[in-house]
């Protein structure tokens, strides 16, 4: 029906806080996010951005740390 979801809907879908989603939108880390009358609208097909606080380990399968 709609092509966008609210920040609250995205927070529930991604299992994070609404404030974190709003912060990502403000930092332009979510492509296509729009701010309309203080409401963030996020395209429905958008995937959850990676948390910049953590890096994925550079370990191959079967390799010991």
PDB file of N, CA and C in Angstrom:
ATOM      1  N   UNK A   1       0.824  -1.173   0.000  1.00  0.00           N
ATOM      2  CA  UNK A   1       0.000   0.000   0.000  1.00  0.00           C
ATOM      3  C   UNK A   1       0.879   1.251   0.000  1.00  0.00           C
ATOM      4  N   UNK A   2       1.635   1.476   1.082  1.00  0.00           N
ATOM      5  CA  UNK A   2       2.538   2.615   1.150  1.00  0.00           C
ATOM      6  C   UNK A   2       3.944   2.179   0.761  1.00  0.00           C
ATOM      7  N   UNK A   3       4.720   3.091   0.250  1.00  0.00           N
ATOM      8  CA  UNK A   3       6.088   2.790  -0.139  1.00  0.00           C
ATOM      9  C   UNK A   3       7.070   3.108   0.984  1.00  0.00           C
ATOM     10  N   UNK A   4       6.590   3.703   2.062  1.00  0.00           N
ATOM     11  CA  UNK A   4       7.451   4.107   3.171  1.00  0.00           C
ATOM     12  C   UNK A   4       6.931   3.538   4.483  1.00  0.00           C
ATOM     13  N   UNK A   5       7.857   3.376   5.433  1.00  0.00           N
ATOM     14  CA  UNK A   5       7.491   3.032   6.805  1.00  0.00           C
ATOM     15  C   UNK A   5       8.026   4.134   7.708  1.00  0.00           C
ATOM     16  N   UNK A   6       7.427   4.279   8.865  1.00  0.00           N
ATOM     17  CA  UNK A   6       7.885   5.296   9.811  1.00  0.00           C
ATOM     18  C   UNK A   6       9.113   4.787  10.558  1.00  0.00           C
ATOM     19  N   UNK A   7       9.769   5.689  11.264  1.00  0.00           N
ATOM     20  CA  UNK A   7      10.933   5.301  12.059  1.00  0.00           C
ATOM     21  C   UNK A   7      10.525   4.287  13.133  1.00  0.00           C
ATOM     22  N   UNK A   8       9.337   4.435  13.678  1.00  0.00           N
ATOM     23  CA  UNK A   8       8.868   3.499  14.697  1.00  0.00           C
ATOM     24  C   UNK A   8       8.665   2.111  14.097  1.00  0.00           C
ATOM     25  N   UNK A   9       8.093   2.023  12.917  1.00  0.00           N
ATOM     26  CA  UNK A   9       7.910   0.728  12.257  1.00  0.00           C
ATOM     27  C   UNK A   9       9.253   0.090  11.931  1.00  0.00           C
ATOM     28  N   UNK A  10      10.209   0.902  11.484  1.00  0.00           N
ATOM     29  CA  UNK A  10      11.550   0.386  11.189  1.00  0.00           C
ATOM     30  C   UNK A  10      12.218  -0.120  12.458  1.00  0.00           C
ATOM     31  N   UNK A  11      12.050   0.599  13.557  1.00  0.00           N
ATOM     32  CA  UNK A  11      12.644   0.189  14.833  1.00  0.00           C
ATOM     33  C   UNK A  11      12.088  -1.161  15.276  1.00  0.00           C
ATOM     34  N   UNK A  12      10.805  -1.359  15.123  1.00  0.00           N
ATOM     35  CA  UNK A  12      10.194  -2.638  15.488  1.00  0.00           C
ATOM     36  C   UNK A  12      10.668  -3.756  14.561  1.00  0.00           C
ATOM     37  N   UNK A  13      10.753  -3.460  13.278  1.00  0.00           N
ATOM     38  CA  UNK A  13      11.187  -4.459  12.293  1.00  0.00           C
ATOM     39  C   UNK A  13      12.640  -4.879  12.520  1.00  0.00           C
ATOM     40  N   UNK A  14      13.512  -3.920  12.840  1.00  0.00           N
ATOM     41  CA  UNK A  14      14.945  -4.175  13.009  1.00  0.00           C
ATOM     42  C   UNK A  14      15.314  -4.501  14.450  1.00  0.00           C
ATOM     43  N   UNK A  15      14.348  -4.463  15.363  1.00  0.00           N
ATOM     44  CA  UNK A  15      14.561  -4.762  16.777  1.00  0.00           C
ATOM     45  C   UNK A  15      15.606  -3.837  17.411  1.00  0.00           C
ATOM     46  N   UNK A  16      15.434  -2.537  17.193  1.00  0.00           N
ATOM     47  CA  UNK A  16      16.296  -1.499  17.781  1.00  0.00           C
ATOM     48  C   UNK A  16      15.383  -0.386  18.311  1.00  0.00           C
ATOM     49  N   UNK A  17      15.986   0.593  18.961  1.00  0.00           N
ATOM     50  CA  UNK A  17      15.185   1.700  19.498  1.00  0.00           C
ATOM     51  C   UNK A  17      14.829   2.689  18.386  1.00  0.00           C
ATOM     52  N   UNK A  18      13.731   3.391  18.594  1.00  0.00           N
ATOM     53  CA  UNK A  18      13.304   4.400  17.625  1.00  0.00           C
ATOM     54  C   UNK A  18      14.327   5.533  17.554  1.00  0.00           C
ATOM     55  N   UNK A  19      14.938   5.857  18.687  1.00  0.00           N
ATOM     56  CA  UNK A  19      15.948   6.928  18.712  1.00  0.00           C
ATOM     57  C   UNK A  19      17.143   6.566  17.843  1.00  0.00           C
ATOM     58  N   UNK A  20      17.540   5.295  17.838  1.00  0.00           N
ATOM     59  CA  UNK A  20      18.673   4.858  17.018  1.00  0.00           C
ATOM     60  C   UNK A  20      18.334   5.007  15.530  1.00  0.00           C
ATOM     61  N   UNK A  21      17.105   4.658  15.159  1.00  0.00           N
ATOM     62  CA  UNK A  21      16.673   4.804  13.757  1.00  0.00           C
ATOM     63  C   UNK A  21      16.658   6.283  13.373  1.00  0.00           C
ATOM     64  N   UNK A  22      16.154   7.138  14.257  1.00  0.00           N
ATOM     65  CA  UNK A  22      16.136   8.572  13.977  1.00  0.00           C
ATOM     66  C   UNK A  22      17.547   9.118  13.811  1.00  0.00           C
ATOM     67  N   UNK A  23      18.462   8.651  14.642  1.00  0.00           N
ATOM     68  CA  UNK A  23      19.859   9.097  14.552  1.00  0.00           C
ATOM     69  C   UNK A  23      20.476   8.663  13.222  1.00  0.00           C
ATOM     70  N   UNK A  24      20.188   7.433  12.799  1.00  0.00           N
ATOM     71  CA  UNK A  24      20.690   6.960  11.506  1.00  0.00           C
ATOM     72  C   UNK A  24      20.150   7.802  10.360  1.00  0.00           C
ATOM     73  N   UNK A  25      18.885   8.165  10.442  1.00  0.00           N
ATOM     74  CA  UNK A  25      18.280   9.006   9.408  1.00  0.00           C
ATOM     75  C   UNK A  25      18.949  10.380   9.372  1.00  0.00           C
ATOM     76  N   UNK A  26      19.157  10.963  10.532  1.00  0.00           N
ATOM     77  CA  UNK A  26      19.759  12.291  10.605  1.00  0.00           C
ATOM     78  C   UNK A  26      21.188  12.281  10.084  1.00  0.00           C
ATOM     79  N   UNK A  27      21.919  11.178  10.314  1.00  0.00           N
ATOM     80  CA  UNK A  27      23.294  11.042   9.845  1.00  0.00           C
ATOM     81  C   UNK A  27      23.362  10.602   8.378  1.00  0.00           C
ATOM     82  N   UNK A  28      22.197  10.466   7.741  1.00  0.00           N
ATOM     83  CA  UNK A  28      22.080  10.071   6.324  1.00  0.00           C
ATOM     84  C   UNK A  28      22.705   8.704   6.060  1.00  0.00           C
ATOM     85  N   UNK A  29      22.552   7.791   7.020  1.00  0.00           N
ATOM     86  CA  UNK A  29      23.057   6.436   6.848  1.00  0.00           C
ATOM     87  C   UNK A  29      21.991   5.509   6.287  1.00  0.00           C
ATOM     88  N   UNK A  30      20.758   6.021   6.139  1.00  0.00           N
ATOM     89  CA  UNK A  30      19.673   5.247   5.537  1.00  0.00           C
ATOM     90  C   UNK A  30      19.309   5.934   4.225  1.00  0.00           C
ATOM     91  N   UNK A  31      19.580   5.260   3.122  1.00  0.00           N
ATOM     92  CA  UNK A  31      19.316   5.831   1.801  1.00  0.00           C
ATOM     93  C   UNK A  31      17.822   6.019   1.579  1.00  0.00           C
ATOM     94  N   UNK A  32      17.458   7.191   1.098  1.00  0.00           N
ATOM     95  CA  UNK A  32      16.072   7.472   0.741  1.00  0.00           C
ATOM     96  C   UNK A  32      15.195   7.914   1.890  1.00  0.00           C
ATOM     97  N   UNK A  33      15.747   8.073   3.088  1.00  0.00           N
ATOM     98  CA  UNK A  33      14.939   8.507   4.231  1.00  0.00           C
ATOM     99  C   UNK A  33      14.549   9.970   4.059  1.00  0.00           C
ATOM    100  N   UNK A  34      13.289  10.264   4.367  1.00  0.00           N
ATOM    101  CA  UNK A  34      12.760  11.621   4.231  1.00  0.00           C
ATOM    102  C   UNK A  34      12.245  12.102   5.577  1.00  0.00           C
ATOM    103  N   UNK A  35      12.419  13.376   5.851  1.00  0.00           N
ATOM    104  CA  UNK A  35      11.868  13.975   7.063  1.00  0.00           C
ATOM    105  C   UNK A  35      10.716  14.876   6.647  1.00  0.00           C
ATOM    106  N   UNK A  36       9.498  14.456   6.993  1.00  0.00           N
ATOM    107  CA  UNK A  36       8.298  15.208   6.642  1.00  0.00           C
ATOM    108  C   UNK A  36       7.573  15.580   7.934  1.00  0.00           C
ATOM    109  N   UNK A  37       7.532  16.877   8.225  1.00  0.00           N
ATOM    110  CA  UNK A  37       6.867  17.372   9.442  1.00  0.00           C
ATOM    111  C   UNK A  37       7.334  16.638  10.690  1.00  0.00           C
ATOM    112  N   UNK A  38       8.630  16.516  10.851  1.00  0.00           N
ATOM    113  CA  UNK A  38       9.264  15.881  12.010  1.00  0.00           C
ATOM    114  C   UNK A  38       9.009  14.382  12.107  1.00  0.00           C
ATOM    115  N   UNK A  39       8.597  13.760  11.012  1.00  0.00           N
ATOM    116  CA  UNK A  39       8.394  12.310  10.962  1.00  0.00           C
ATOM    117  C   UNK A  39       9.335  11.750   9.906  1.00  0.00           C
ATOM    118  N   UNK A  40      10.164  10.792  10.294  1.00  0.00           N
ATOM    119  CA  UNK A  40      11.073  10.166   9.339  1.00  0.00           C
ATOM    120  C   UNK A  40      10.350   9.074   8.580  1.00  0.00           C
ATOM    121  N   UNK A  41      10.444   9.116   7.250  1.00  0.00           N
ATOM    122  CA  UNK A  41       9.866   8.093   6.383  1.00  0.00           C
ATOM    123  C   UNK A  41      11.009   7.347   5.711  1.00  0.00           C
ATOM    124  N   UNK A  42      10.963   6.024   5.804  1.00  0.00           N
ATOM    125  CA  UNK A  42      12.036   5.167   5.311  1.00  0.00           C
ATOM    126  C   UNK A  42      11.449   4.229   4.268  1.00  0.00           C
ATOM    127  N   UNK A  43      12.100   4.092   3.102  1.00  0.00           N
ATOM    128  CA  UNK A  43      11.588   3.169   2.082  1.00  0.00           C
ATOM    129  C   UNK A  43      11.416   1.756   2.647  1.00  0.00           C
ATOM    130  N   UNK A  44      10.338   1.098   2.257  1.00  0.00           N
ATOM    131  CA  UNK A  44       9.979  -0.211   2.810  1.00  0.00           C
ATOM    132  C   UNK A  44      11.082  -1.253   2.637  1.00  0.00           C
ATOM    133  N   UNK A  45      11.732  -1.345   1.502  1.00  0.00           N
ATOM    134  CA  UNK A  45      12.719  -2.393   1.239  1.00  0.00           C
ATOM    135  C   UNK A  45      14.090  -2.150   1.850  1.00  0.00           C
ATOM    136  N   UNK A  46      14.249  -1.090   2.625  1.00  0.00           N
ATOM    137  CA  UNK A  46      15.548  -0.746   3.189  1.00  0.00           C
ATOM    138  C   UNK A  46      15.983  -1.780   4.214  1.00  0.00           C
ATOM    139  N   UNK A  47      17.254  -2.184   4.131  1.00  0.00           N
ATOM    140  CA  UNK A  47      17.803  -3.129   5.092  1.00  0.00           C
ATOM    141  C   UNK A  47      18.425  -2.370   6.256  1.00  0.00           C
ATOM    142  N   UNK A  48      18.517  -3.043   7.381  1.00  0.00           N
ATOM    143  CA  UNK A  48      19.095  -2.443   8.581  1.00  0.00           C
ATOM    144  C   UNK A  48      20.572  -2.144   8.345  1.00  0.00           C
ATOM    145  N   UNK A  49      21.004  -0.890   8.569  1.00  0.00           N
ATOM    146  CA  UNK A  49      22.423  -0.560   8.390  1.00  0.00           C
ATOM    147  C   UNK A  49      23.291  -1.272   9.427  1.00  0.00           C
ATOM    148  N   UNK A  50      24.546  -1.503   9.055  1.00  0.00           N
ATOM    149  CA  UNK A  50      25.492  -2.114   9.984  1.00  0.00           C
ATOM    150  C   UNK A  50      25.789  -1.140  11.120  1.00  0.00           C
ATOM    151  N   UNK A  51      26.027  -1.684  12.295  1.00  0.00           N
ATOM    152  CA  UNK A  51      26.390  -0.870  13.453  1.00  0.00           C
ATOM    153  C   UNK A  51      27.852  -0.477  13.298  1.00  0.00           C
ATOM    154  N   UNK A  52      28.128   0.804  13.205  1.00  0.00           N
ATOM    155  CA  UNK A  52      29.485   1.288  12.943  1.00  0.00           C
ATOM    156  C   UNK A  52      30.424   1.073  14.127  1.00  0.00           C
ATOM    157  N   UNK A  53      29.875   0.730  15.299  1.00  0.00           N
ATOM    158  CA  UNK A  53      30.721   0.510  16.469  1.00  0.00           C
ATOM    159  C   UNK A  53      31.495  -0.800  16.383  1.00  0.00           C
ATOM    160  N   UNK A  54      31.007  -1.727  15.554  1.00  0.00           N
ATOM    161  CA  UNK A  54      31.627  -3.042  15.459  1.00  0.00           C
ATOM    162  C   UNK A  54      32.103  -3.305  14.047  1.00  0.00           C
ATOM    163  N   UNK A  55      33.220  -4.009  13.934  1.00  0.00           N
ATOM    164  CA  UNK A  55      33.701  -4.429  12.635  1.00  0.00           C
ATOM    165  C   UNK A  55      33.542  -5.935  12.524  1.00  0.00           C
ATOM    166  N   UNK A  56      33.253  -6.381  11.346  1.00  0.00           N
ATOM    167  CA  UNK A  56      33.165  -7.822  11.126  1.00  0.00           C
ATOM    168  C   UNK A  56      34.574  -8.393  11.183  1.00  0.00           C
ATOM    169  N   UNK A  57      34.746  -9.519  11.860  1.00  0.00           N
ATOM    170  CA  UNK A  57      36.089 -10.114  11.915  1.00  0.00           C
ATOM    171  C   UNK A  57      36.538 -10.554  10.535  1.00  0.00           C
ATOM    172  N   UNK A  58      37.803 -10.433  10.290  1.00  0.00           N
ATOM    173  CA  UNK A  58      38.372 -10.776   8.992  1.00  0.00           C
ATOM    174  C   UNK A  58      38.939 -12.196   9.053  1.00  0.00           C
ATOM    175  N   UNK A  59      38.084 -13.135   9.433  1.00  0.00           N
ATOM    176  CA  UNK A  59      38.500 -14.519   9.629  1.00  0.00           C
ATOM    177  C   UNK A  59      37.804 -15.392   8.598  1.00  0.00           C
ATOM    178  N   UNK A  60      38.534 -16.272   7.974  1.00  0.00           N
ATOM    179  CA  UNK A  60      37.937 -17.185   7.011  1.00  0.00           C
ATOM    180  C   UNK A  60      37.435 -18.432   7.734  1.00  0.00           C
ATOM    181  N   UNK A  61      36.516 -19.120   7.106  1.00  0.00           N
ATOM    182  CA  UNK A  61      35.937 -20.318   7.703  1.00  0.00           C
ATOM    183  C   UNK A  61      37.034 -21.361   7.925  1.00  0.00           C
ATOM    184  N   UNK A  62      37.028 -21.947   9.108  1.00  0.00           N
ATOM    185  CA  UNK A  62      38.010 -22.973   9.432  1.00  0.00           C
ATOM    186  C   UNK A  62      39.306 -22.431  10.015  1.00  0.00           C
ATOM    187  N   UNK A  63      39.523 -21.148   9.965  1.00  0.00           N
ATOM    188  CA  UNK A  63      40.751 -20.554  10.489  1.00  0.00           C
ATOM    189  C   UNK A  63      40.572 -20.274  11.978  1.00  0.00           C
ATOM    190  N   UNK A  64      41.599 -20.584  12.767  1.00  0.00           N
ATOM    191  CA  UNK A  64      41.535 -20.345  14.209  1.00  0.00           C
ATOM    192  C   UNK A  64      42.005 -18.933  14.521  1.00  0.00           C
ATOM    193  N   UNK A  65      41.401 -18.375  15.552  1.00  0.00           N
ATOM    194  CA  UNK A  65      41.784 -17.028  15.977  1.00  0.00           C
ATOM    195  C   UNK A  65      43.056 -17.037  16.780  1.00  0.00           C
TER     196      UNK A  65
END
